[in-house]
Amino acid sequence: MGEHHAREWPSAEIPMEFAIYLAQQFGRDARVTKLLKRTRIVIVPIINADGFIASRTAVDPADTLGDPVAC
């Protein structure tokens, strides 16, 4: 599981890289192949989807300083 906190966007990359690694190593690496044949693995890159969307679309007040239209 990745990204529990809305503004920690890079933390979602770790589970995705793990998923890519498992997919690429299946059939090549004996340990990975055995793991995937015996265990169900669920990759959840973003736990807090609502917070992620809100934080990605939020306007930073510091970006609007000096712009009377944006204030």
N, C-alpha and C. Protein backbone atom coordinates (compact mmCIF):
# COMPACT_ATOMS: atom_id res chain seq x y z
N MET A 1 0.84 -1.18 0.00
CA MET A 1 0.00 0.00 0.00
C MET A 1 0.89 1.24 0.00
N GLY A 2 0.45 2.19 -0.76
CA GLY A 2 1.20 3.44 -0.84
C GLY A 2 0.32 4.63 -0.54
N GLU A 3 0.87 5.75 -0.59
CA GLU A 3 0.29 7.06 -0.35
C GLU A 3 -0.89 7.08 0.60
N HIS A 4 -0.55 7.16 1.87
CA HIS A 4 -1.57 7.30 2.92
C HIS A 4 -1.93 8.77 3.12
N HIS A 5 -0.95 9.65 2.96
CA HIS A 5 -1.14 11.07 3.20
C HIS A 5 -1.24 11.79 1.86
N ALA A 6 -2.20 12.67 1.74
CA ALA A 6 -2.55 13.28 0.46
C ALA A 6 -1.39 13.94 -0.27
N ARG A 7 -0.51 14.60 0.43
CA ARG A 7 0.55 15.35 -0.25
C ARG A 7 1.86 14.57 -0.40
N GLU A 8 1.85 13.30 -0.10
CA GLU A 8 3.05 12.48 -0.27
C GLU A 8 2.96 11.72 -1.59
N TRP A 9 2.87 12.46 -2.69
CA TRP A 9 2.64 11.88 -4.00
C TRP A 9 3.67 10.84 -4.42
N PRO A 10 4.95 11.03 -4.17
CA PRO A 10 5.93 10.02 -4.62
C PRO A 10 5.78 8.66 -3.95
N SER A 11 5.11 8.61 -2.79
CA SER A 11 4.99 7.33 -2.10
C SER A 11 4.15 6.32 -2.87
N ALA A 12 3.38 6.76 -3.84
CA ALA A 12 2.59 5.84 -4.67
C ALA A 12 3.48 5.10 -5.67
N GLU A 13 4.66 5.61 -5.92
CA GLU A 13 5.57 4.98 -6.88
C GLU A 13 6.17 3.67 -6.37
N ILE A 14 6.36 3.55 -5.09
CA ILE A 14 7.00 2.36 -4.53
C ILE A 14 6.18 1.10 -4.80
N PRO A 15 4.88 1.09 -4.51
CA PRO A 15 4.10 -0.12 -4.84
C PRO A 15 4.07 -0.40 -6.34
N MET A 16 4.04 0.65 -7.15
CA MET A 16 4.02 0.44 -8.60
C MET A 16 5.34 -0.17 -9.09
N GLU A 17 6.45 0.29 -8.55
CA GLU A 17 7.74 -0.30 -8.92
C GLU A 17 7.83 -1.75 -8.47
N PHE A 18 7.26 -2.06 -7.31
CA PHE A 18 7.22 -3.43 -6.82
C PHE A 18 6.40 -4.31 -7.77
N ALA A 19 5.26 -3.80 -8.21
CA ALA A 19 4.41 -4.55 -9.15
C ALA A 19 5.14 -4.80 -10.46
N ILE A 20 5.81 -3.80 -10.97
CA ILE A 20 6.58 -3.95 -12.22
C ILE A 20 7.68 -4.99 -12.03
N TYR A 21 8.36 -4.92 -10.90
CA TYR A 21 9.42 -5.89 -10.62
C TYR A 21 8.87 -7.31 -10.62
N LEU A 22 7.76 -7.52 -9.91
CA LEU A 22 7.17 -8.86 -9.85
C LEU A 22 6.78 -9.36 -11.24
N ALA A 23 6.16 -8.49 -12.02
CA ALA A 23 5.73 -8.89 -13.36
C ALA A 23 6.92 -9.23 -14.25
N GLN A 24 7.98 -8.45 -14.16
CA GLN A 24 9.16 -8.70 -15.00
C GLN A 24 9.94 -9.94 -14.56
N GLN A 25 9.91 -10.24 -13.28
CA GLN A 25 10.70 -11.36 -12.77
C GLN A 25 9.96 -12.69 -12.77
N PHE A 26 8.65 -12.67 -13.00
CA PHE A 26 7.90 -13.92 -13.04
C PHE A 26 8.43 -14.80 -14.17
N GLY A 27 8.78 -16.02 -13.83
CA GLY A 27 9.33 -16.95 -14.81
C GLY A 27 10.84 -16.83 -14.98
N ARG A 28 11.43 -15.79 -14.44
CA ARG A 28 12.88 -15.57 -14.52
C ARG A 28 13.57 -15.82 -13.18
N ASP A 29 12.93 -15.36 -12.13
CA ASP A 29 13.48 -15.49 -10.78
C ASP A 29 12.65 -16.54 -10.05
N ALA A 30 13.31 -17.57 -9.56
CA ALA A 30 12.60 -18.69 -8.92
C ALA A 30 11.82 -18.24 -7.69
N ARG A 31 12.39 -17.34 -6.90
CA ARG A 31 11.69 -16.89 -5.68
C ARG A 31 10.44 -16.11 -6.02
N VAL A 32 10.53 -15.22 -7.00
CA VAL A 32 9.37 -14.42 -7.40
C VAL A 32 8.30 -15.32 -8.01
N THR A 33 8.71 -16.24 -8.86
CA THR A 33 7.75 -17.15 -9.49
C THR A 33 7.03 -17.99 -8.45
N LYS A 34 7.76 -18.51 -7.50
CA LYS A 34 7.16 -19.31 -6.43
C LYS A 34 6.19 -18.46 -5.60
N LEU A 35 6.61 -17.25 -5.27
CA LEU A 35 5.77 -16.34 -4.50
C LEU A 35 4.46 -16.07 -5.23
N LEU A 36 4.53 -15.76 -6.51
CA LEU A 36 3.32 -15.42 -7.26
C LEU A 36 2.42 -16.62 -7.50
N LYS A 37 2.98 -17.80 -7.54
CA LYS A 37 2.16 -18.99 -7.71
C LYS A 37 1.46 -19.40 -6.42
N ARG A 38 2.01 -18.99 -5.29
CA ARG A 38 1.47 -19.42 -3.99
C ARG A 38 0.67 -18.35 -3.27
N THR A 39 0.85 -17.09 -3.63
CA THR A 39 0.29 -16.00 -2.85
C THR A 39 -0.44 -15.00 -3.74
N ARG A 40 -1.56 -14.52 -3.28
CA ARG A 40 -2.25 -13.44 -3.99
C ARG A 40 -1.67 -12.13 -3.48
N ILE A 41 -1.21 -11.31 -4.38
CA ILE A 41 -0.63 -10.02 -4.02
C ILE A 41 -1.51 -8.93 -4.60
N VAL A 42 -1.93 -8.02 -3.75
CA VAL A 42 -2.77 -6.91 -4.18
C VAL A 42 -1.95 -5.64 -4.03
N ILE A 43 -1.78 -4.93 -5.12
CA ILE A 43 -1.02 -3.68 -5.12
C ILE A 43 -2.03 -2.52 -5.07
N VAL A 44 -1.90 -1.68 -4.06
CA VAL A 44 -2.77 -0.52 -3.90
C VAL A 44 -1.87 0.71 -3.82
N PRO A 45 -1.65 1.38 -4.94
CA PRO A 45 -0.70 2.49 -4.92
C PRO A 45 -1.20 3.73 -4.17
N ILE A 46 -2.52 3.98 -4.17
CA ILE A 46 -3.06 5.16 -3.51
C ILE A 46 -4.19 4.74 -2.58
N ILE A 47 -4.00 4.94 -1.28
CA ILE A 47 -5.01 4.59 -0.30
C ILE A 47 -6.00 5.74 -0.13
N ASN A 48 -5.50 6.95 -0.13
CA ASN A 48 -6.32 8.14 0.11
C ASN A 48 -6.59 8.84 -1.22
N ALA A 49 -7.45 8.25 -2.04
CA ALA A 49 -7.72 8.79 -3.37
C ALA A 49 -8.36 10.18 -3.31
N ASP A 50 -9.29 10.39 -2.40
CA ASP A 50 -9.93 11.70 -2.29
C ASP A 50 -8.93 12.78 -1.92
N GLY A 51 -8.07 12.48 -0.95
CA GLY A 51 -7.05 13.45 -0.56
C GLY A 51 -6.05 13.71 -1.66
N PHE A 52 -5.71 12.66 -2.41
CA PHE A 52 -4.78 12.80 -3.54
C PHE A 52 -5.36 13.76 -4.58
N ILE A 53 -6.60 13.55 -4.96
CA ILE A 53 -7.24 14.40 -5.97
C ILE A 53 -7.35 15.83 -5.47
N ALA A 54 -7.78 15.99 -4.22
CA ALA A 54 -7.93 17.34 -3.66
C ALA A 54 -6.59 18.06 -3.59
N SER A 55 -5.53 17.36 -3.20
CA SER A 55 -4.23 18.01 -3.08
C SER A 55 -3.62 18.32 -4.44
N ARG A 56 -3.95 17.55 -5.45
CA ARG A 56 -3.41 17.81 -6.79
C ARG A 56 -4.14 18.96 -7.49
N THR A 57 -5.36 19.25 -7.07
CA THR A 57 -6.13 20.32 -7.72
C THR A 57 -6.22 21.57 -6.86
N ALA A 58 -5.67 21.54 -5.66
CA ALA A 58 -5.73 22.69 -4.76
C ALA A 58 -4.86 23.83 -5.28
N VAL A 59 -5.27 25.03 -4.99
CA VAL A 59 -4.51 26.22 -5.36
C VAL A 59 -3.69 26.64 -4.15
N ASP A 60 -2.42 26.83 -4.35
CA ASP A 60 -1.53 27.30 -3.29
C ASP A 60 -1.67 28.82 -3.19
N PRO A 61 -2.08 29.35 -2.03
CA PRO A 61 -2.23 30.81 -1.91
C PRO A 61 -0.94 31.55 -2.22
N ALA A 62 0.20 30.96 -1.99
CA ALA A 62 1.47 31.62 -2.29
C ALA A 62 1.63 31.85 -3.79
N ASP A 63 0.99 31.00 -4.61
CA ASP A 63 1.08 31.17 -6.07
C ASP A 63 0.23 32.33 -6.57
N THR A 64 -0.72 32.80 -5.77
CA THR A 64 -1.61 33.87 -6.23
C THR A 64 -1.24 35.24 -5.69
N LEU A 65 -0.18 35.33 -4.90
CA LEU A 65 0.24 36.64 -4.36
C LEU A 65 0.59 37.58 -5.50
N GLY A 66 0.10 38.77 -5.40
CA GLY A 66 0.39 39.76 -6.42
C GLY A 66 -0.56 39.70 -7.61
N ASP A 67 -1.44 38.73 -7.64
CA ASP A 67 -2.41 38.61 -8.73
C ASP A 67 -3.78 38.97 -8.18
N PRO A 68 -4.26 40.21 -8.39
CA PRO A 68 -5.52 40.63 -7.78
C PRO A 68 -6.73 39.84 -8.29
N VAL A 69 -6.65 39.29 -9.46
CA VAL A 69 -7.76 38.51 -10.01
C VAL A 69 -7.91 37.19 -9.27
N ALA A 70 -6.77 36.56 -8.93
CA ALA A 70 -6.80 35.26 -8.26
C ALA A 70 -7.19 35.36 -6.80
N CYS A 71 -7.04 36.54 -6.19
CA CYS A 71 -7.36 36.70 -4.77
C CYS A 71 -8.79 36.90 -4.62
